[in-house]
Amino acid sequence: MTHEVTRRRLERWLLEHGFVELAGRKTGHRQFARGSLKISVPGHGPQDLTKKHVALIVRQLAAGGFNKETVRRELAE
């Protein structure tokens, strides 16, 4: 990806695609769910997500029926 993916950009993308934020827990992470698919976004540390974390989330989304390339392209915008 040419641009860094920030937590805010990922959270906005998830909400735009039908995910809802679940009630907060004591972990400091933010949980988003859509049906049986649940995504955890770090709630602390640097705003930019690591490439590894983005890859794990994209892999989860692909397993949930999203197209990997479309997700990557939309997150990079």
PDB file of N, CA and C in Angstrom:
ATOM      1  N   MET A   1       0.837  -1.173   0.000  1.00  0.00           N
ATOM      2  CA  MET A   1       0.000   0.000   0.000  1.00  0.00           C
ATOM      3  C   MET A   1       0.882   1.236   0.000  1.00  0.00           C
ATOM      4  N   THR A   2       0.451   2.217  -0.719  1.00  0.00           N
ATOM      5  CA  THR A   2       1.242   3.425  -0.803  1.00  0.00           C
ATOM      6  C   THR A   2       1.030   4.334   0.399  1.00  0.00           C
ATOM      7  N   HIS A   3      -0.140   4.283   1.021  1.00  0.00           N
ATOM      8  CA  HIS A   3      -0.442   5.128   2.163  1.00  0.00           C
ATOM      9  C   HIS A   3      -0.542   4.271   3.414  1.00  0.00           C
ATOM     10  N   GLU A   4      -0.236   4.897   4.540  1.00  0.00           N
ATOM     11  CA  GLU A   4      -0.425   4.215   5.808  1.00  0.00           C
ATOM     12  C   GLU A   4      -1.915   4.118   6.106  1.00  0.00           C
ATOM     13  N   VAL A   5      -2.303   3.066   6.763  1.00  0.00           N
ATOM     14  CA  VAL A   5      -3.688   2.912   7.181  1.00  0.00           C
ATOM     15  C   VAL A   5      -3.748   3.303   8.656  1.00  0.00           C
ATOM     16  N   THR A   6      -4.578   4.268   8.968  1.00  0.00           N
ATOM     17  CA  THR A   6      -4.715   4.704  10.354  1.00  0.00           C
ATOM     18  C   THR A   6      -5.901   3.994  11.005  1.00  0.00           C
ATOM     19  N   ARG A   7      -5.896   4.018  12.327  1.00  0.00           N
ATOM     20  CA  ARG A   7      -7.015   3.404  13.051  1.00  0.00           C
ATOM     21  C   ARG A   7      -8.323   4.083  12.682  1.00  0.00           C
ATOM     22  N   ARG A   8      -8.314   5.397  12.595  1.00  0.00           N
ATOM     23  CA  ARG A   8      -9.545   6.136  12.279  1.00  0.00           C
ATOM     24  C   ARG A   8     -10.068   5.782  10.891  1.00  0.00           C
ATOM     25  N   ARG A   9      -9.171   5.661   9.924  1.00  0.00           N
ATOM     26  CA  ARG A   9      -9.599   5.310   8.562  1.00  0.00           C
ATOM     27  C   ARG A   9     -10.225   3.924   8.548  1.00  0.00           C
ATOM     28  N   LEU A  10      -9.608   2.984   9.260  1.00  0.00           N
ATOM     29  CA  LEU A  10     -10.148   1.620   9.325  1.00  0.00           C
ATOM     30  C   LEU A  10     -11.505   1.611  10.025  1.00  0.00           C
ATOM     31  N   GLU A  11     -11.618   2.335  11.127  1.00  0.00           N
ATOM     32  CA  GLU A  11     -12.888   2.384  11.848  1.00  0.00           C
ATOM     33  C   GLU A  11     -13.977   2.985  10.979  1.00  0.00           C
ATOM     34  N   ARG A  12     -13.662   4.057  10.244  1.00  0.00           N
ATOM     35  CA  ARG A  12     -14.637   4.691   9.346  1.00  0.00           C
ATOM     36  C   ARG A  12     -15.060   3.709   8.255  1.00  0.00           C
ATOM     37  N   TRP A  13     -14.105   2.972   7.693  1.00  0.00           N
ATOM     38  CA  TRP A  13     -14.404   1.997   6.636  1.00  0.00           C
ATOM     39  C   TRP A  13     -15.342   0.914   7.181  1.00  0.00           C
ATOM     40  N   LEU A  14     -15.047   0.421   8.367  1.00  0.00           N
ATOM     41  CA  LEU A  14     -15.875  -0.630   8.953  1.00  0.00           C
ATOM     42  C   LEU A  14     -17.308  -0.142   9.157  1.00  0.00           C
ATOM     43  N   LEU A  15     -17.467   1.062   9.702  1.00  0.00           N
ATOM     44  CA  LEU A  15     -18.807   1.605   9.936  1.00  0.00           C
ATOM     45  C   LEU A  15     -19.556   1.829   8.624  1.00  0.00           C
ATOM     46  N   GLU A  16     -18.856   2.288   7.576  1.00  0.00           N
ATOM     47  CA  GLU A  16     -19.482   2.511   6.272  1.00  0.00           C
ATOM     48  C   GLU A  16     -19.935   1.213   5.619  1.00  0.00           C
ATOM     49  N   HIS A  17     -19.343   0.094   6.022  1.00  0.00           N
ATOM     50  CA  HIS A  17     -19.666  -1.194   5.418  1.00  0.00           C
ATOM     51  C   HIS A  17     -20.522  -2.082   6.329  1.00  0.00           C
ATOM     52  N   GLY A  18     -21.280  -1.448   7.201  1.00  0.00           N
ATOM     53  CA  GLY A  18     -22.278  -2.181   7.960  1.00  0.00           C
ATOM     54  C   GLY A  18     -21.839  -2.775   9.278  1.00  0.00           C
ATOM     55  N   PHE A  19     -20.629  -2.485   9.728  1.00  0.00           N
ATOM     56  CA  PHE A  19     -20.186  -2.986  11.023  1.00  0.00           C
ATOM     57  C   PHE A  19     -20.720  -2.062  12.108  1.00  0.00           C
ATOM     58  N   VAL A  20     -20.936  -2.608  13.282  1.00  0.00           N
ATOM     59  CA  VAL A  20     -21.349  -1.813  14.430  1.00  0.00           C
ATOM     60  C   VAL A  20     -20.305  -1.988  15.525  1.00  0.00           C
ATOM     61  N   GLU A  21     -20.073  -0.907  16.267  1.00  0.00           N
ATOM     62  CA  GLU A  21     -19.099  -0.993  17.350  1.00  0.00           C
ATOM     63  C   GLU A  21     -19.750  -1.655  18.555  1.00  0.00           C
ATOM     64  N   LEU A  22     -19.053  -2.625  19.117  1.00  0.00           N
ATOM     65  CA  LEU A  22     -19.549  -3.322  20.295  1.00  0.00           C
ATOM     66  C   LEU A  22     -19.163  -2.543  21.547  1.00  0.00           C
ATOM     67  N   ALA A  23     -19.820  -2.847  22.639  1.00  0.00           N
ATOM     68  CA  ALA A  23     -19.523  -2.183  23.908  1.00  0.00           C
ATOM     69  C   ALA A  23     -18.060  -2.389  24.269  1.00  0.00           C
ATOM     70  N   GLY A  24     -17.460  -1.348  24.842  1.00  0.00           N
ATOM     71  CA  GLY A  24     -16.046  -1.400  25.198  1.00  0.00           C
ATOM     72  C   GLY A  24     -15.737  -2.413  26.276  1.00  0.00           C
ATOM     73  N   ARG A  25     -14.553  -2.952  26.181  1.00  0.00           N
ATOM     74  CA  ARG A  25     -14.082  -3.891  27.193  1.00  0.00           C
ATOM     75  C   ARG A  25     -12.825  -3.308  27.822  1.00  0.00           C
ATOM     76  N   LYS A  26     -12.235  -4.016  28.735  1.00  0.00           N
ATOM     77  CA  LYS A  26     -11.072  -3.511  29.456  1.00  0.00           C
ATOM     78  C   LYS A  26      -9.762  -3.683  28.698  1.00  0.00           C
ATOM     79  N   THR A  27      -9.794  -4.197  27.481  1.00  0.00           N
ATOM     80  CA  THR A  27      -8.562  -4.479  26.748  1.00  0.00           C
ATOM     81  C   THR A  27      -7.951  -3.246  26.106  1.00  0.00           C
ATOM     82  N   GLY A  28      -8.726  -2.195  25.890  1.00  0.00           N
ATOM     83  CA  GLY A  28      -8.219  -1.015  25.201  1.00  0.00           C
ATOM     84  C   GLY A  28      -8.385  -1.104  23.698  1.00  0.00           C
ATOM     85  N   HIS A  29      -8.867  -2.238  23.204  1.00  0.00           N
ATOM     86  CA  HIS A  29      -9.131  -2.401  21.782  1.00  0.00           C
ATOM     87  C   HIS A  29     -10.598  -2.088  21.502  1.00  0.00           C
ATOM     88  N   ARG A  30     -10.887  -1.697  20.272  1.00  0.00           N
ATOM     89  CA  ARG A  30     -12.272  -1.435  19.880  1.00  0.00           C
ATOM     90  C   ARG A  30     -12.739  -2.599  19.013  1.00  0.00           C
ATOM     91  N   GLN A  31     -13.908  -3.110  19.313  1.00  0.00           N
ATOM     92  CA  GLN A  31     -14.468  -4.266  18.622  1.00  0.00           C
ATOM     93  C   GLN A  31     -15.589  -3.823  17.683  1.00  0.00           C
ATOM     94  N   PHE A  32     -15.557  -4.338  16.458  1.00  0.00           N
ATOM     95  CA  PHE A  32     -16.596  -4.068  15.472  1.00  0.00           C
ATOM     96  C   PHE A  32     -17.122  -5.406  14.981  1.00  0.00           C
ATOM     97  N   ALA A  33     -18.440  -5.484  14.787  1.00  0.00           N
ATOM     98  CA  ALA A  33     -19.036  -6.752  14.366  1.00  0.00           C
ATOM     99  C   ALA A  33     -20.044  -6.519  13.250  1.00  0.00           C
ATOM    100  N   ARG A  34     -20.144  -7.503  12.388  1.00  0.00           N
ATOM    101  CA  ARG A  34     -21.151  -7.552  11.320  1.00  0.00           C
ATOM    102  C   ARG A  34     -21.505  -9.019  11.161  1.00  0.00           C
ATOM    103  N   GLY A  35     -22.682  -9.378  11.619  1.00  0.00           N
ATOM    104  CA  GLY A  35     -23.051 -10.789  11.608  1.00  0.00           C
ATOM    105  C   GLY A  35     -22.130 -11.558  12.542  1.00  0.00           C
ATOM    106  N   SER A  36     -21.521 -12.618  12.043  1.00  0.00           N
ATOM    107  CA  SER A  36     -20.617 -13.416  12.868  1.00  0.00           C
ATOM    108  C   SER A  36     -19.161 -12.964  12.748  1.00  0.00           C
ATOM    109  N   LEU A  37     -18.906 -11.968  11.904  1.00  0.00           N
ATOM    110  CA  LEU A  37     -17.545 -11.469  11.692  1.00  0.00           C
ATOM    111  C   LEU A  37     -17.236 -10.380  12.713  1.00  0.00           C
ATOM    112  N   LYS A  38     -16.149 -10.550  13.460  1.00  0.00           N
ATOM    113  CA  LYS A  38     -15.760  -9.584  14.480  1.00  0.00           C
ATOM    114  C   LYS A  38     -14.327  -9.132  14.210  1.00  0.00           C
ATOM    115  N   ILE A  39     -14.117  -7.813  14.189  1.00  0.00           N
ATOM    116  CA  ILE A  39     -12.812  -7.220  13.928  1.00  0.00           C
ATOM    117  C   ILE A  39     -12.393  -6.431  15.157  1.00  0.00           C
ATOM    118  N   SER A  40     -11.153  -6.614  15.581  1.00  0.00           N
ATOM    119  CA  SER A  40     -10.611  -5.892  16.723  1.00  0.00           C
ATOM    120  C   SER A  40      -9.584  -4.888  16.219  1.00  0.00           C
ATOM    121  N   VAL A  41      -9.750  -3.617  16.618  1.00  0.00           N
ATOM    122  CA  VAL A  41      -8.854  -2.536  16.201  1.00  0.00           C
ATOM    123  C   VAL A  41      -8.150  -2.025  17.455  1.00  0.00           C
ATOM    124  N   PRO A  42      -6.809  -1.909  17.421  1.00  0.00           N
ATOM    125  CA  PRO A  42      -6.103  -1.400  18.602  1.00  0.00           C
ATOM    126  C   PRO A  42      -6.612  -0.021  18.993  1.00  0.00           C
ATOM    127  N   GLY A  43      -6.783   0.194  20.272  1.00  0.00           N
ATOM    128  CA  GLY A  43      -7.273   1.478  20.756  1.00  0.00           C
ATOM    129  C   GLY A  43      -6.185   2.315  21.387  1.00  0.00           C
ATOM    130  N   HIS A  44      -4.941   1.871  21.309  1.00  0.00           N
ATOM    131  CA  HIS A  44      -3.838   2.585  21.936  1.00  0.00           C
ATOM    132  C   HIS A  44      -2.609   2.473  21.048  1.00  0.00           C
ATOM    133  N   GLY A  45      -1.580   3.222  21.352  1.00  0.00           N
ATOM    134  CA  GLY A  45      -0.358   3.194  20.558  1.00  0.00           C
ATOM    135  C   GLY A  45      -0.438   4.158  19.392  1.00  0.00           C
ATOM    136  N   PRO A  46       0.457   4.003  18.418  1.00  0.00           N
ATOM    137  CA  PRO A  46       0.481   4.925  17.277  1.00  0.00           C
ATOM    138  C   PRO A  46      -0.795   4.838  16.438  1.00  0.00           C
ATOM    139  N   GLN A  47      -1.155   5.944  15.793  1.00  0.00           N
ATOM    140  CA  GLN A  47      -2.347   5.985  14.946  1.00  0.00           C
ATOM    141  C   GLN A  47      -2.209   5.078  13.723  1.00  0.00           C
ATOM    142  N   ASP A  48      -1.000   4.998  13.153  1.00  0.00           N
ATOM    143  CA  ASP A  48      -0.787   4.160  11.973  1.00  0.00           C
ATOM    144  C   ASP A  48      -0.724   2.695  12.371  1.00  0.00           C
ATOM    145  N   LEU A  49      -1.492   1.875  11.678  1.00  0.00           N
ATOM    146  CA  LEU A  49      -1.470   0.435  11.925  1.00  0.00           C
ATOM    147  C   LEU A  49      -0.282  -0.175  11.187  1.00  0.00           C
ATOM    148  N   THR A  50       0.283  -1.223  11.740  1.00  0.00           N
ATOM    149  CA  THR A  50       1.398  -1.896  11.085  1.00  0.00           C
ATOM    150  C   THR A  50       0.888  -2.663   9.864  1.00  0.00           C
ATOM    151  N   LYS A  51       1.772  -2.931   8.933  1.00  0.00           N
ATOM    152  CA  LYS A  51       1.396  -3.700   7.740  1.00  0.00           C
ATOM    153  C   LYS A  51       0.876  -5.074   8.139  1.00  0.00           C
ATOM    154  N   LYS A  52       1.487  -5.660   9.169  1.00  0.00           N
ATOM    155  CA  LYS A  52       1.070  -6.987   9.627  1.00  0.00           C
ATOM    156  C   LYS A  52      -0.367  -6.946  10.148  1.00  0.00           C
ATOM    157  N   HIS A  53      -0.692  -5.918  10.941  1.00  0.00           N
ATOM    158  CA  HIS A  53      -2.042  -5.818  11.492  1.00  0.00           C
ATOM    159  C   HIS A  53      -3.067  -5.614  10.383  1.00  0.00           C
ATOM    160  N   VAL A  54      -2.731  -4.755   9.419  1.00  0.00           N
ATOM    161  CA  VAL A  54      -3.645  -4.515   8.291  1.00  0.00           C
ATOM    162  C   VAL A  54      -3.845  -5.807   7.507  1.00  0.00           C
ATOM    163  N   ALA A  55      -2.774  -6.545   7.280  1.00  0.00           N
ATOM    164  CA  ALA A  55      -2.874  -7.809   6.536  1.00  0.00           C
ATOM    165  C   ALA A  55      -3.771  -8.802   7.266  1.00  0.00           C
ATOM    166  N   LEU A  56      -3.660  -8.873   8.596  1.00  0.00           N
ATOM    167  CA  LEU A  56      -4.508  -9.784   9.368  1.00  0.00           C
ATOM    168  C   LEU A  56      -5.979  -9.386   9.265  1.00  0.00           C
ATOM    169  N   ILE A  57      -6.254  -8.087   9.336  1.00  0.00           N
ATOM    170  CA  ILE A  57      -7.637  -7.615   9.235  1.00  0.00           C
ATOM    171  C   ILE A  57      -8.192  -7.871   7.844  1.00  0.00           C
ATOM    172  N   VAL A  58      -7.393  -7.606   6.812  1.00  0.00           N
ATOM    173  CA  VAL A  58      -7.842  -7.845   5.433  1.00  0.00           C
ATOM    174  C   VAL A  58      -8.119  -9.328   5.227  1.00  0.00           C
ATOM    175  N   ARG A  59      -7.282 -10.183   5.793  1.00  0.00           N
ATOM    176  CA  ARG A  59      -7.486 -11.636   5.684  1.00  0.00           C
ATOM    177  C   ARG A  59      -8.793 -12.041   6.362  1.00  0.00           C
ATOM    178  N   GLN A  60      -9.080 -11.452   7.534  1.00  0.00           N
ATOM    179  CA  GLN A  60     -10.341 -11.738   8.233  1.00  0.00           C
ATOM    180  C   GLN A  60     -11.534 -11.286   7.402  1.00  0.00           C
ATOM    181  N   LEU A  61     -11.423 -10.084   6.819  1.00  0.00           N
ATOM    182  CA  LEU A  61     -12.516  -9.566   5.997  1.00  0.00           C
ATOM    183  C   LEU A  61     -12.736 -10.437   4.761  1.00  0.00           C
ATOM    184  N   ALA A  62     -11.643 -10.928   4.159  1.00  0.00           N
ATOM    185  CA  ALA A  62     -11.759 -11.805   2.993  1.00  0.00           C
ATOM    186  C   ALA A  62     -12.446 -13.109   3.370  1.00  0.00           C
ATOM    187  N   ALA A  63     -12.138 -13.635   4.541  1.00  0.00           N
ATOM    188  CA  ALA A  63     -12.799 -14.861   5.007  1.00  0.00           C
ATOM    189  C   ALA A  63     -14.282 -14.614   5.258  1.00  0.00           C
ATOM    190  N   GLY A  64     -14.634 -13.353   5.542  1.00  0.00           N
ATOM    191  CA  GLY A  64     -16.023 -13.003   5.782  1.00  0.00           C
ATOM    192  C   GLY A  64     -16.783 -12.625   4.524  1.00  0.00           C
ATOM    193  N   GLY A  65     -16.142 -12.728   3.358  1.00  0.00           N
ATOM    194  CA  GLY A  65     -16.841 -12.504   2.099  1.00  0.00           C
ATOM    195  C   GLY A  65     -16.463 -11.236   1.352  1.00  0.00           C
ATOM    196  N   PHE A  66     -15.579 -10.420   1.895  1.00  0.00           N
ATOM    197  CA  PHE A  66     -15.140  -9.211   1.202  1.00  0.00           C
ATOM    198  C   PHE A  66     -14.015  -9.555   0.226  1.00  0.00           C
ATOM    199  N   ASN A  67     -13.874  -8.762  -0.832  1.00  0.00           N
ATOM    200  CA  ASN A  67     -12.802  -8.942  -1.803  1.00  0.00           C
ATOM    201  C   ASN A  67     -11.538  -8.265  -1.263  1.00  0.00           C
ATOM    202  N   LYS A  68     -10.433  -9.028  -1.180  1.00  0.00           N
ATOM    203  CA  LYS A  68      -9.182  -8.510  -0.620  1.00  0.00           C
ATOM    204  C   LYS A  68      -8.698  -7.255  -1.336  1.00  0.00           C
ATOM    205  N   GLU A  69      -8.651  -7.313  -2.651  1.00  0.00           N
ATOM    206  CA  GLU A  69      -8.126  -6.186  -3.423  1.00  0.00           C
ATOM    207  C   GLU A  69      -8.984  -4.942  -3.269  1.00  0.00           C
ATOM    208  N   THR A  70     -10.284  -5.120  -3.224  1.00  0.00           N
ATOM    209  CA  THR A  70     -11.190  -3.977  -3.047  1.00  0.00           C
ATOM    210  C   THR A  70     -10.973  -3.343  -1.678  1.00  0.00           C
ATOM    211  N   VAL A  71     -10.858  -4.158  -0.652  1.00  0.00           N
ATOM    212  CA  VAL A  71     -10.640  -3.646   0.700  1.00  0.00           C
ATOM    213  C   VAL A  71      -9.323  -2.887   0.756  1.00  0.00           C
ATOM    214  N   ARG A  72      -8.259  -3.473   0.226  1.00  0.00           N
ATOM    215  CA  ARG A  72      -6.944  -2.803   0.232  1.00  0.00           C
ATOM    216  C   ARG A  72      -6.996  -1.468  -0.499  1.00  0.00           C
ATOM    217  N   ARG A  73      -7.649  -1.463  -1.639  1.00  0.00           N
ATOM    218  CA  ARG A  73      -7.734  -0.228  -2.437  1.00  0.00           C
ATOM    219  C   ARG A  73      -8.515   0.844  -1.684  1.00  0.00           C
ATOM    220  N   GLU A  74      -9.624   0.477  -1.070  1.00  0.00           N
ATOM    221  CA  GLU A  74     -10.448   1.445  -0.346  1.00  0.00           C
ATOM    222  C   GLU A  74      -9.742   1.960   0.901  1.00  0.00           C
ATOM    223  N   LEU A  75      -8.990   1.120   1.568  1.00  0.00           N
ATOM    224  CA  LEU A  75      -8.266   1.562   2.770  1.00  0.00           C
ATOM    225  C   LEU A  75      -7.077   2.465   2.408  1.00  0.00           C
ATOM    226  N   ALA A  76      -6.522   2.280   1.221  1.00  0.00           N
ATOM    227  CA  ALA A  76      -5.359   3.070   0.802  1.00  0.00           C
ATOM    228  C   ALA A  76      -5.734   4.453   0.306  1.00  0.00           C
ATOM    229  N   GLU A  77      -7.016   4.702   0.075  1.00  0.00           N
ATOM    230  CA  GLU A  77      -7.444   5.999  -0.459  1.00  0.00           C
ATOM    231  C   GLU A  77      -7.288   7.090   0.558  1.00  0.00           C
TER     232      GLU A  77
END
